[in-house]
Amino acid sequence: MGKRPPHLSDIEAARYPPPPPPTFHMPQPRQWLSWLVPLIFLANIAMFVYTMYENDCPAYLSDEVCLFTEYLGRFSFQPFRENPLLGPAVRTLRLLGALEEDLVVHKYEVWRFFSCMFLHAGVVHLVANMFSLLFIGVRLENEFGFVRIGFLYILSGFGGSLLSMMHMKESATSTVSVGASGALFGLLGAMLSELLTNWSIYANKCAALTSLLIIVGLNLAVGFLPHVDNSAHVGGFSAGFLLGFILLMRPQYGYVNRKYIPPGYDVKRKSKYKFYQYFFLIAALIILLLGFAYGLADLYIGNAADKFFFLDSYPR
């Protein structure tokens, strides 16, 4: 009496809680190896060295007038009164691809929209831009990869060149414009729009937004210094800001790709992107295309009949 059935052991009689549901782990965001931004950095350095080689100040001026001729030879700088940034003459920049209204608008050398991004007016100009390129560009390429950052850099630079040309045409100035500033301001603009469109994944939203706005404001303020083409800065920043909504959109917080969910595990999945992200993308794409179309039309529509003479026979 009081004995348990002999066929049931303690293990068999025990009750165990149900097994826990299977778990899944989201993979960490992919970190890309940054190689395009360092390559752009090296290309700018090499182009400046070649620019100074072609400039050959002592061949046009006396050795006493050129700066540091004793140490640099044909790589010596133009006189300080001509170029205070320690660089080449305007004639050399014009020869190698600087922006100039007559060459771009009237002679249709459209390749200068892009070649000017790899030319710099002097050592001071080059160092400032290359420091910004490495500081901003490497981090962005690590996060988003070389394809998206490459398109962002080139198209932002084109936006800066386009607005710079429009400003030259309106002001009727006979100067040239060079530098990677438009593309670099595009990276800054893209950082701001990336923060806005990916708002849900940031922890310290207000702090990140405030610090970024301060950096953007300080860089734009530099454009008001003498001999600085602020129109290229504004054009590049605007293009980069719009491109950030298009190229740098991330999945919203809590999204899980179906391939990371184990079979048989039913989980309520969030949509990959939020509605406002799609709205920003479509609106930015439309504004960007309209802006580029308006800028090109403003530059070339008046000269279309000169190059395409058959347009005269059609009403406009």
C-alpha atoms as a PDB file:
ATOM      1  CA  MET A   1       0.000   0.000   0.000  1.00  0.00           C
ATOM      2  CA  GLY A   2       1.304   3.436  -0.883  1.00  0.00           C
ATOM      3  CA  LYS A   3       3.656   2.051  -3.507  1.00  0.00           C
ATOM      4  CA  ARG A   4       3.816   3.544  -6.975  1.00  0.00           C
ATOM      5  CA  PRO A   5       3.314   1.327  -9.977  1.00  0.00           C
ATOM      6  CA  PRO A   6       6.568  -0.450 -10.729  1.00  0.00           C
ATOM      7  CA  HIS A   7       6.411   0.332 -14.448  1.00  0.00           C
ATOM      8  CA  LEU A   8       6.655   4.150 -13.969  1.00  0.00           C
ATOM      9  CA  SER A   9      10.030   5.621 -13.164  1.00  0.00           C
ATOM     10  CA  ASP A  10      10.637   9.040 -11.625  1.00  0.00           C
ATOM     11  CA  ILE A  11      11.742  10.360 -15.001  1.00  0.00           C
ATOM     12  CA  GLU A  12       8.649   9.091 -16.735  1.00  0.00           C
ATOM     13  CA  ALA A  13       6.350  10.537 -14.092  1.00  0.00           C
ATOM     14  CA  ALA A  14       7.907  14.014 -14.157  1.00  0.00           C
ATOM     15  CA  ARG A  15       6.325  16.871 -16.092  1.00  0.00           C
ATOM     16  CA  TYR A  16       8.533  19.123 -18.198  1.00  0.00           C
ATOM     17  CA  PRO A  17       7.660  22.578 -19.582  1.00  0.00           C
ATOM     18  CA  PRO A  18       7.144  22.780 -23.348  1.00  0.00           C
ATOM     19  CA  PRO A  19      10.290  23.478 -25.358  1.00  0.00           C
ATOM     20  CA  PRO A  20      10.930  27.164 -26.111  1.00  0.00           C
ATOM     21  CA  PRO A  21      10.106  28.379 -29.601  1.00  0.00           C
ATOM     22  CA  PRO A  22      12.996  28.546 -32.047  1.00  0.00           C
ATOM     23  CA  THR A  23      14.910  31.785 -32.075  1.00  0.00           C
ATOM     24  CA  PHE A  24      16.382  33.733 -34.965  1.00  0.00           C
ATOM     25  CA  HIS A  25      19.179  36.245 -35.097  1.00  0.00           C
ATOM     26  CA  MET A  26      19.389  39.171 -37.474  1.00  0.00           C
ATOM     27  CA  PRO A  27      22.766  39.381 -39.193  1.00  0.00           C
ATOM     28  CA  GLN A  28      24.883  42.424 -38.512  1.00  0.00           C
ATOM     29  CA  PRO A  29      24.833  45.108 -41.222  1.00  0.00           C
ATOM     30  CA  ARG A  30      27.450  44.451 -43.850  1.00  0.00           C
ATOM     31  CA  GLN A  31      30.597  46.531 -43.556  1.00  0.00           C
ATOM     32  CA  TRP A  32      32.064  47.293 -46.963  1.00  0.00           C
ATOM     33  CA  LEU A  33      35.760  47.698 -47.604  1.00  0.00           C
ATOM     34  CA  SER A  34      36.382  51.307 -48.574  1.00  0.00           C
ATOM     35  CA  TRP A  35      38.521  51.455 -51.715  1.00  0.00           C
ATOM     36  CA  LEU A  36      36.736  53.894 -54.031  1.00  0.00           C
ATOM     37  CA  VAL A  37      37.135  56.941 -51.772  1.00  0.00           C
ATOM     38  CA  PRO A  38      40.894  56.334 -51.260  1.00  0.00           C
ATOM     39  CA  LEU A  39      41.176  55.875 -55.039  1.00  0.00           C
ATOM     40  CA  ILE A  40      39.461  59.232 -55.615  1.00  0.00           C
ATOM     41  CA  PHE A  41      41.831  60.728 -53.036  1.00  0.00           C
ATOM     42  CA  LEU A  42      44.878  59.408 -54.904  1.00  0.00           C
ATOM     43  CA  ALA A  43      43.459  60.546 -58.252  1.00  0.00           C
ATOM     44  CA  ASN A  44      43.082  64.103 -56.950  1.00  0.00           C
ATOM     45  CA  ILE A  45      46.633  64.124 -55.584  1.00  0.00           C
ATOM     46  CA  ALA A  46      48.040  62.746 -58.842  1.00  0.00           C
ATOM     47  CA  MET A  47      46.059  65.257 -60.888  1.00  0.00           C
ATOM     48  CA  PHE A  48      47.382  68.158 -58.845  1.00  0.00           C
ATOM     49  CA  VAL A  49      50.965  66.964 -59.313  1.00  0.00           C
ATOM     50  CA  TYR A  50      50.368  66.686 -63.066  1.00  0.00           C
ATOM     51  CA  THR A  51      48.770  70.141 -63.072  1.00  0.00           C
ATOM     52  CA  MET A  52      51.859  71.673 -61.492  1.00  0.00           C
ATOM     53  CA  TYR A  53      54.065  69.782 -63.961  1.00  0.00           C
ATOM     54  CA  GLU A  54      52.109  71.201 -66.887  1.00  0.00           C
ATOM     55  CA  ASN A  55      52.026  74.652 -65.301  1.00  0.00           C
ATOM     56  CA  ASP A  56      55.833  74.983 -65.304  1.00  0.00           C
ATOM     57  CA  CYS A  57      55.895  78.471 -63.833  1.00  0.00           C
ATOM     58  CA  PRO A  58      59.622  79.148 -64.528  1.00  0.00           C
ATOM     59  CA  ALA A  59      59.055  78.598 -68.266  1.00  0.00           C
ATOM     60  CA  TYR A  60      56.580  81.509 -68.382  1.00  0.00           C
ATOM     61  CA  LEU A  61      57.933  83.737 -65.626  1.00  0.00           C
ATOM     62  CA  SER A  62      61.370  84.307 -64.156  1.00  0.00           C
ATOM     63  CA  ASP A  63      62.734  82.043 -61.433  1.00  0.00           C
ATOM     64  CA  GLU A  64      62.716  84.961 -59.000  1.00  0.00           C
ATOM     65  CA  VAL A  65      58.978  85.543 -59.406  1.00  0.00           C
ATOM     66  CA  CYS A  66      57.783  81.941 -59.006  1.00  0.00           C
ATOM     67  CA  LEU A  67      57.498  80.613 -55.463  1.00  0.00           C
ATOM     68  CA  PHE A  68      59.984  78.003 -54.178  1.00  0.00           C
ATOM     69  CA  THR A  69      61.642  77.554 -57.561  1.00  0.00           C
ATOM     70  CA  GLU A  70      64.917  76.621 -55.877  1.00  0.00           C
ATOM     71  CA  TYR A  71      63.325  73.552 -54.292  1.00  0.00           C
ATOM     72  CA  LEU A  72      60.488  72.650 -56.661  1.00  0.00           C
ATOM     73  CA  GLY A  73      61.834  73.529 -60.109  1.00  0.00           C
ATOM     74  CA  ARG A  74      59.085  73.344 -62.731  1.00  0.00           C
ATOM     75  CA  PHE A  75      56.611  72.378 -59.966  1.00  0.00           C
ATOM     76  CA  SER A  76      56.988  75.806 -58.334  1.00  0.00           C
ATOM     77  CA  PHE A  77      53.876  77.881 -57.607  1.00  0.00           C
ATOM     78  CA  GLN A  78      52.591  80.998 -59.275  1.00  0.00           C
ATOM     79  CA  PRO A  79      53.334  84.329 -57.546  1.00  0.00           C
ATOM     80  CA  PHE A  80      51.303  84.862 -54.409  1.00  0.00           C
ATOM     81  CA  ARG A  81      49.552  87.919 -55.831  1.00  0.00           C
ATOM     82  CA  GLU A  82      48.282  85.761 -58.725  1.00  0.00           C
ATOM     83  CA  ASN A  83      47.320  82.654 -56.753  1.00  0.00           C
ATOM     84  CA  PRO A  84      47.260  82.963 -52.937  1.00  0.00           C
ATOM     85  CA  LEU A  85      46.330  79.273 -52.590  1.00  0.00           C
ATOM     86  CA  LEU A  86      49.803  78.107 -53.725  1.00  0.00           C
ATOM     87  CA  GLY A  87      48.889  76.609 -57.055  1.00  0.00           C
ATOM     88  CA  PRO A  88      48.966  76.908 -60.845  1.00  0.00           C
ATOM     89  CA  ALA A  89      47.905  79.650 -63.228  1.00  0.00           C
ATOM     90  CA  VAL A  90      44.371  79.976 -64.565  1.00  0.00           C
ATOM     91  CA  ARG A  91      45.591  79.111 -68.079  1.00  0.00           C
ATOM     92  CA  THR A  92      46.698  75.660 -66.858  1.00  0.00           C
ATOM     93  CA  LEU A  93      43.411  74.954 -65.099  1.00  0.00           C
ATOM     94  CA  ARG A  94      41.512  76.020 -68.209  1.00  0.00           C
ATOM     95  CA  LEU A  95      43.663  73.718 -70.360  1.00  0.00           C
ATOM     96  CA  LEU A  96      43.129  70.659 -68.153  1.00  0.00           C
ATOM     97  CA  GLY A  97      39.350  70.896 -67.758  1.00  0.00           C
ATOM     98  CA  ALA A  98      38.186  73.748 -65.529  1.00  0.00           C
ATOM     99  CA  LEU A  99      34.633  75.061 -65.830  1.00  0.00           C
ATOM    100  CA  GLU A 100      34.330  78.133 -68.010  1.00  0.00           C
ATOM    101  CA  GLU A 101      31.158  79.479 -69.571  1.00  0.00           C
ATOM    102  CA  ASP A 102      32.478  79.976 -73.089  1.00  0.00           C
ATOM    103  CA  LEU A 103      33.967  76.480 -73.302  1.00  0.00           C
ATOM    104  CA  VAL A 104      31.057  74.640 -71.709  1.00  0.00           C
ATOM    105  CA  VAL A 105      28.068  76.570 -73.063  1.00  0.00           C
ATOM    106  CA  HIS A 106      29.232  77.857 -76.444  1.00  0.00           C
ATOM    107  CA  LYS A 107      31.779  75.175 -77.429  1.00  0.00           C
ATOM    108  CA  TYR A 108      29.796  72.313 -75.836  1.00  0.00           C
ATOM    109  CA  GLU A 109      32.701  70.831 -73.874  1.00  0.00           C
ATOM    110  CA  VAL A 110      30.314  69.104 -71.466  1.00  0.00           C
ATOM    111  CA  TRP A 111      33.036  66.811 -70.122  1.00  0.00           C
ATOM    112  CA  ARG A 112      34.208  69.776 -68.064  1.00  0.00           C
ATOM    113  CA  PHE A 113      31.208  69.263 -65.767  1.00  0.00           C
ATOM    114  CA  PHE A 114      33.103  66.234 -64.433  1.00  0.00           C
ATOM    115  CA  SER A 115      36.777  66.980 -65.112  1.00  0.00           C
ATOM    116  CA  CYS A 116      36.677  70.080 -62.905  1.00  0.00           C
ATOM    117  CA  MET A 117      36.001  67.854 -59.876  1.00  0.00           C
ATOM    118  CA  PHE A 118      39.560  66.515 -60.060  1.00  0.00           C
ATOM    119  CA  LEU A 119      41.295  69.888 -60.380  1.00  0.00           C
ATOM    120  CA  HIS A 120      42.264  72.198 -57.515  1.00  0.00           C
ATOM    121  CA  ALA A 121      43.389  75.794 -57.402  1.00  0.00           C
ATOM    122  CA  GLY A 122      46.229  75.208 -54.949  1.00  0.00           C
ATOM    123  CA  VAL A 123      47.710  73.238 -52.081  1.00  0.00           C
ATOM    124  CA  VAL A 124      45.431  74.908 -49.529  1.00  0.00           C
ATOM    125  CA  HIS A 125      42.356  74.086 -51.616  1.00  0.00           C
ATOM    126  CA  LEU A 126      43.503  70.489 -52.148  1.00  0.00           C
ATOM    127  CA  VAL A 127      44.313  69.747 -48.504  1.00  0.00           C
ATOM    128  CA  ALA A 128      41.001  71.112 -47.240  1.00  0.00           C
ATOM    129  CA  ASN A 129      38.975  69.080 -49.730  1.00  0.00           C
ATOM    130  CA  MET A 130      40.918  65.848 -49.330  1.00  0.00           C
ATOM    131  CA  PHE A 131      40.636  65.976 -45.542  1.00  0.00           C
ATOM    132  CA  SER A 132      36.868  66.292 -45.877  1.00  0.00           C
ATOM    133  CA  LEU A 133      36.759  63.505 -48.459  1.00  0.00           C
ATOM    134  CA  LEU A 134      38.499  60.998 -46.207  1.00  0.00           C
ATOM    135  CA  PHE A 135      36.620  62.081 -43.078  1.00  0.00           C
ATOM    136  CA  ILE A 136      33.162  61.791 -44.656  1.00  0.00           C
ATOM    137  CA  GLY A 137      33.553  59.492 -47.639  1.00  0.00           C
ATOM    138  CA  VAL A 138      35.258  56.515 -46.007  1.00  0.00           C
ATOM    139  CA  ARG A 139      32.524  56.123 -43.380  1.00  0.00           C
ATOM    140  CA  LEU A 140      29.758  56.367 -45.966  1.00  0.00           C
ATOM    141  CA  GLU A 141      31.431  53.822 -48.231  1.00  0.00           C
ATOM    142  CA  ASN A 142      31.893  51.438 -45.304  1.00  0.00           C
ATOM    143  CA  GLU A 143      28.148  51.574 -44.640  1.00  0.00           C
ATOM    144  CA  PHE A 144      26.665  51.713 -48.145  1.00  0.00           C
ATOM    145  CA  GLY A 145      29.268  50.326 -50.541  1.00  0.00           C
ATOM    146  CA  PHE A 146      31.189  51.760 -53.451  1.00  0.00           C
ATOM    147  CA  VAL A 147      28.385  51.621 -56.046  1.00  0.00           C
ATOM    148  CA  ARG A 148      25.965  53.907 -54.233  1.00  0.00           C
ATOM    149  CA  ILE A 149      28.668  56.248 -52.951  1.00  0.00           C
ATOM    150  CA  GLY A 150      30.240  56.405 -56.414  1.00  0.00           C
ATOM    151  CA  PHE A 151      26.943  57.486 -58.007  1.00  0.00           C
ATOM    152  CA  LEU A 152      26.365  59.916 -55.146  1.00  0.00           C
ATOM    153  CA  TYR A 153      29.791  61.514 -55.550  1.00  0.00           C
ATOM    154  CA  ILE A 154      29.628  61.915 -59.337  1.00  0.00           C
ATOM    155  CA  LEU A 155      26.019  63.142 -59.526  1.00  0.00           C
ATOM    156  CA  SER A 156      26.507  65.561 -56.632  1.00  0.00           C
ATOM    157  CA  GLY A 157      29.596  66.940 -58.335  1.00  0.00           C
ATOM    158  CA  PHE A 158      27.599  67.349 -61.538  1.00  0.00           C
ATOM    159  CA  GLY A 159      24.895  69.212 -59.598  1.00  0.00           C
ATOM    160  CA  GLY A 160      27.503  71.561 -58.171  1.00  0.00           C
ATOM    161  CA  SER A 161      29.057  72.160 -61.594  1.00  0.00           C
ATOM    162  CA  LEU A 162      25.652  72.786 -63.143  1.00  0.00           C
ATOM    163  CA  LEU A 163      24.636  75.454 -60.624  1.00  0.00           C
ATOM    164  CA  SER A 164      28.093  76.999 -60.850  1.00  0.00           C
ATOM    165  CA  MET A 165      27.709  77.334 -64.619  1.00  0.00           C
ATOM    166  CA  MET A 166      24.241  78.856 -64.224  1.00  0.00           C
ATOM    167  CA  HIS A 167      25.700  81.402 -61.793  1.00  0.00           C
ATOM    168  CA  MET A 168      28.516  82.247 -64.231  1.00  0.00           C
ATOM    169  CA  LYS A 169      26.004  82.768 -67.025  1.00  0.00           C
ATOM    170  CA  GLU A 170      23.813  85.060 -64.937  1.00  0.00           C
ATOM    171  CA  SER A 171      26.688  87.096 -63.531  1.00  0.00           C
ATOM    172  CA  ALA A 172      28.608  87.188 -66.843  1.00  0.00           C
ATOM    173  CA  THR A 173      31.910  86.545 -65.039  1.00  0.00           C
ATOM    174  CA  SER A 174      34.973  85.447 -67.011  1.00  0.00           C
ATOM    175  CA  THR A 175      36.408  83.208 -64.320  1.00  0.00           C
ATOM    176  CA  VAL A 176      36.928  79.460 -64.007  1.00  0.00           C
ATOM    177  CA  SER A 177      35.705  77.036 -61.362  1.00  0.00           C
ATOM    178  CA  VAL A 178      37.512  73.923 -60.099  1.00  0.00           C
ATOM    179  CA  GLY A 179      37.464  71.626 -57.105  1.00  0.00           C
ATOM    180  CA  ALA A 180      35.743  68.628 -55.546  1.00  0.00           C
ATOM    181  CA  SER A 181      33.711  70.847 -53.228  1.00  0.00           C
ATOM    182  CA  GLY A 182      30.398  70.192 -54.990  1.00  0.00           C
ATOM    183  CA  ALA A 183      30.799  66.430 -54.644  1.00  0.00           C
ATOM    184  CA  LEU A 184      31.932  66.755 -51.020  1.00  0.00           C
ATOM    185  CA  PHE A 185      28.961  68.933 -50.114  1.00  0.00           C
ATOM    186  CA  GLY A 186      26.838  66.283 -51.797  1.00  0.00           C
ATOM    187  CA  LEU A 187      28.146  63.741 -49.298  1.00  0.00           C
ATOM    188  CA  LEU A 188      27.189  66.108 -46.472  1.00  0.00           C
ATOM    189  CA  GLY A 189      23.715  66.594 -47.923  1.00  0.00           C
ATOM    190  CA  ALA A 190      23.289  62.846 -48.290  1.00  0.00           C
ATOM    191  CA  MET A 191      24.242  62.338 -44.640  1.00  0.00           C
ATOM    192  CA  LEU A 192      21.430  64.691 -43.637  1.00  0.00           C
ATOM    193  CA  SER A 193      18.775  63.054 -45.828  1.00  0.00           C
ATOM    194  CA  GLU A 194      19.983  59.596 -44.776  1.00  0.00           C
ATOM    195  CA  LEU A 195      19.345  60.556 -41.173  1.00  0.00           C
ATOM    196  CA  LEU A 196      15.848  61.792 -42.012  1.00  0.00           C
ATOM    197  CA  THR A 197      14.749  58.871 -44.182  1.00  0.00           C
ATOM    198  CA  ASN A 198      16.194  56.274 -41.766  1.00  0.00           C
ATOM    199  CA  TRP A 199      14.884  58.074 -38.681  1.00  0.00           C
ATOM    200  CA  SER A 200      13.458  54.940 -37.031  1.00  0.00           C
ATOM    201  CA  ILE A 201      16.811  53.140 -36.684  1.00  0.00           C
ATOM    202  CA  TYR A 202      18.678  55.939 -34.871  1.00  0.00           C
ATOM    203  CA  ALA A 203      18.821  55.938 -31.084  1.00  0.00           C
ATOM    204  CA  ASN A 204      19.985  59.502 -30.354  1.00  0.00           C
ATOM    205  CA  LYS A 205      18.011  61.212 -33.096  1.00  0.00           C
ATOM    206  CA  CYS A 206      18.080  64.822 -31.898  1.00  0.00           C
ATOM    207  CA  ALA A 207      21.778  64.745 -31.005  1.00  0.00           C
ATOM    208  CA  ALA A 208      22.708  63.277 -34.390  1.00  0.00           C
ATOM    209  CA  LEU A 209      20.562  65.811 -36.248  1.00  0.00           C
ATOM    210  CA  THR A 210      21.895  68.801 -34.271  1.00  0.00           C
ATOM    211  CA  SER A 211      25.561  67.871 -34.724  1.00  0.00           C
ATOM    212  CA  LEU A 212      25.069  67.256 -38.445  1.00  0.00           C
ATOM    213  CA  LEU A 213      23.290  70.583 -38.959  1.00  0.00           C
ATOM    214  CA  ILE A 214      26.155  72.390 -37.214  1.00  0.00           C
ATOM    215  CA  ILE A 215      28.718  70.712 -39.486  1.00  0.00           C
ATOM    216  CA  VAL A 216      26.677  71.552 -42.595  1.00  0.00           C
ATOM    217  CA  GLY A 217      26.212  75.167 -41.478  1.00  0.00           C
ATOM    218  CA  LEU A 218      29.922  75.681 -40.823  1.00  0.00           C
ATOM    219  CA  ASN A 219      30.880  74.242 -44.197  1.00  0.00           C
ATOM    220  CA  LEU A 220      28.341  76.364 -46.057  1.00  0.00           C
ATOM    221  CA  ALA A 221      29.601  79.449 -44.221  1.00  0.00           C
ATOM    222  CA  VAL A 222      33.058  78.854 -45.725  1.00  0.00           C
ATOM    223  CA  GLY A 223      31.499  79.524 -49.117  1.00  0.00           C
ATOM    224  CA  PHE A 224      31.149  83.214 -48.306  1.00  0.00           C
ATOM    225  CA  LEU A 225      34.920  83.697 -48.185  1.00  0.00           C
ATOM    226  CA  PRO A 226      36.520  85.550 -51.136  1.00  0.00           C
ATOM    227  CA  HIS A 227      37.319  83.528 -54.290  1.00  0.00           C
ATOM    228  CA  VAL A 228      35.117  80.603 -53.145  1.00  0.00           C
ATOM    229  CA  ASP A 229      32.404  79.371 -55.514  1.00  0.00           C
ATOM    230  CA  ASN A 230      29.486  78.981 -53.118  1.00  0.00           C
ATOM    231  CA  SER A 231      27.091  78.160 -55.954  1.00  0.00           C
ATOM    232  CA  ALA A 232      28.946  74.870 -56.476  1.00  0.00           C
ATOM    233  CA  HIS A 233      28.596  74.152 -52.754  1.00  0.00           C
ATOM    234  CA  VAL A 234      24.858  74.827 -52.774  1.00  0.00           C
ATOM    235  CA  GLY A 235      24.301  72.848 -55.975  1.00  0.00           C
ATOM    236  CA  GLY A 236      26.280  69.861 -54.735  1.00  0.00           C
ATOM    237  CA  PHE A 237      24.598  69.913 -51.336  1.00  0.00           C
ATOM    238  CA  SER A 238      21.120  70.096 -52.881  1.00  0.00           C
ATOM    239  CA  ALA A 239      21.808  67.251 -55.296  1.00  0.00           C
ATOM    240  CA  GLY A 240      23.356  65.103 -52.558  1.00  0.00           C
ATOM    241  CA  PHE A 241      20.461  65.811 -50.206  1.00  0.00           C
ATOM    242  CA  LEU A 242      17.972  64.536 -52.798  1.00  0.00           C
ATOM    243  CA  LEU A 243      20.168  61.590 -53.768  1.00  0.00           C
ATOM    244  CA  GLY A 244      20.384  60.495 -50.132  1.00  0.00           C
ATOM    245  CA  PHE A 245      16.635  59.793 -50.124  1.00  0.00           C
ATOM    246  CA  ILE A 246      17.076  57.704 -53.284  1.00  0.00           C
ATOM    247  CA  LEU A 247      20.341  55.831 -52.715  1.00  0.00           C
ATOM    248  CA  LEU A 248      20.750  55.553 -48.927  1.00  0.00           C
ATOM    249  CA  MET A 249      17.364  54.223 -47.802  1.00  0.00           C
ATOM    250  CA  ARG A 250      17.594  51.459 -45.143  1.00  0.00           C
ATOM    251  CA  PRO A 251      14.969  48.961 -43.910  1.00  0.00           C
ATOM    252  CA  GLN A 252      12.948  50.240 -40.964  1.00  0.00           C
ATOM    253  CA  TYR A 253      13.693  49.188 -37.377  1.00  0.00           C
ATOM    254  CA  GLY A 254      12.333  45.712 -36.601  1.00  0.00           C
ATOM    255  CA  TYR A 255      12.206  44.470 -40.190  1.00  0.00           C
ATOM    256  CA  VAL A 256      13.254  40.820 -40.575  1.00  0.00           C
ATOM    257  CA  ASN A 257      14.014  39.232 -43.908  1.00  0.00           C
ATOM    258  CA  ARG A 258      12.050  36.002 -44.399  1.00  0.00           C
ATOM    259  CA  LYS A 259      15.195  33.982 -45.095  1.00  0.00           C
ATOM    260  CA  TYR A 260      16.353  34.573 -41.512  1.00  0.00           C
ATOM    261  CA  ILE A 261      13.150  33.113 -39.985  1.00  0.00           C
ATOM    262  CA  PRO A 262      13.382  29.340 -39.200  1.00  0.00           C
ATOM    263  CA  PRO A 263      10.828  27.077 -40.943  1.00  0.00           C
ATOM    264  CA  GLY A 264       7.599  26.665 -38.990  1.00  0.00           C
ATOM    265  CA  TYR A 265       8.062  29.821 -36.947  1.00  0.00           C
ATOM    266  CA  ASP A 266       5.150  32.161 -37.491  1.00  0.00           C
ATOM    267  CA  VAL A 267       6.117  35.769 -36.847  1.00  0.00           C
ATOM    268  CA  LYS A 268       4.379  38.986 -37.745  1.00  0.00           C
ATOM    269  CA  ARG A 269       6.759  40.735 -40.104  1.00  0.00           C
ATOM    270  CA  LYS A 270       6.989  44.481 -40.621  1.00  0.00           C
ATOM    271  CA  SER A 271       7.152  45.943 -44.087  1.00  0.00           C
ATOM    272  CA  LYS A 272      10.674  46.616 -45.293  1.00  0.00           C
ATOM    273  CA  TYR A 273      10.227  50.370 -45.668  1.00  0.00           C
ATOM    274  CA  LYS A 274       7.841  52.888 -44.181  1.00  0.00           C
ATOM    275  CA  PHE A 275       5.406  54.912 -46.252  1.00  0.00           C
ATOM    276  CA  TYR A 276       7.291  58.180 -45.719  1.00  0.00           C
ATOM    277  CA  GLN A 277      10.470  56.562 -47.056  1.00  0.00           C
ATOM    278  CA  TYR A 278       8.744  55.732 -50.329  1.00  0.00           C
ATOM    279  CA  PHE A 279       7.273  59.244 -50.425  1.00  0.00           C
ATOM    280  CA  PHE A 280      10.690  60.863 -49.933  1.00  0.00           C
ATOM    281  CA  LEU A 281      12.224  58.621 -52.611  1.00  0.00           C
ATOM    282  CA  ILE A 282       9.628  59.455 -55.277  1.00  0.00           C
ATOM    283  CA  ALA A 283       9.533  63.172 -54.455  1.00  0.00           C
ATOM    284  CA  ALA A 284      13.352  63.447 -54.422  1.00  0.00           C
ATOM    285  CA  LEU A 285      13.668  61.616 -57.744  1.00  0.00           C
ATOM    286  CA  ILE A 286      11.140  63.915 -59.443  1.00  0.00           C
ATOM    287  CA  ILE A 287      12.709  67.108 -58.025  1.00  0.00           C
ATOM    288  CA  LEU A 288      16.235  65.960 -58.957  1.00  0.00           C
ATOM    289  CA  LEU A 289      15.333  65.126 -62.560  1.00  0.00           C
ATOM    290  CA  LEU A 290      13.409  68.381 -62.969  1.00  0.00           C
ATOM    291  CA  GLY A 291      16.302  70.341 -61.467  1.00  0.00           C
ATOM    292  CA  PHE A 292      18.881  68.787 -63.802  1.00  0.00           C
ATOM    293  CA  ALA A 293      16.577  69.273 -66.801  1.00  0.00           C
ATOM    294  CA  TYR A 294      15.919  72.920 -65.908  1.00  0.00           C
ATOM    295  CA  GLY A 295      19.633  73.649 -65.405  1.00  0.00           C
ATOM    296  CA  LEU A 296      20.672  72.102 -68.724  1.00  0.00           C
ATOM    297  CA  ALA A 297      17.820  73.836 -70.539  1.00  0.00           C
ATOM    298  CA  ASP A 298      18.803  77.169 -68.994  1.00  0.00           C
ATOM    299  CA  LEU A 299      22.363  76.752 -70.268  1.00  0.00           C
ATOM    300  CA  TYR A 300      21.779  75.309 -73.713  1.00  0.00           C
ATOM    301  CA  ILE A 301      18.288  76.151 -74.939  1.00  0.00           C
ATOM    302  CA  GLY A 302      19.425  79.532 -76.200  1.00  0.00           C
ATOM    303  CA  ASN A 303      22.316  77.943 -78.091  1.00  0.00           C
ATOM    304  CA  ALA A 304      20.386  75.001 -79.494  1.00  0.00           C
ATOM    305  CA  ALA A 305      19.823  76.620 -82.879  1.00  0.00           C
ATOM    306  CA  ASP A 306      23.562  77.228 -83.268  1.00  0.00           C
ATOM    307  CA  LYS A 307      24.373  73.546 -82.962  1.00  0.00           C
ATOM    308  CA  PHE A 308      21.120  71.999 -84.218  1.00  0.00           C
ATOM    309  CA  PHE A 309      20.250  74.319 -87.072  1.00  0.00           C
ATOM    310  CA  PHE A 310      17.271  72.211 -88.200  1.00  0.00           C
ATOM    311  CA  LEU A 311      15.357  73.381 -85.110  1.00  0.00           C
ATOM    312  CA  ASP A 312      14.786  76.738 -86.785  1.00  0.00           C
ATOM    313  CA  SER A 313      12.229  75.159 -89.123  1.00  0.00           C
ATOM    314  CA  TYR A 314      10.008  74.018 -86.276  1.00  0.00           C
ATOM    315  CA  PRO A 315       7.794  76.266 -84.163  1.00  0.00           C
ATOM    316  CA  ARG A 316       8.643  76.492 -80.466  1.00  0.00           C
END
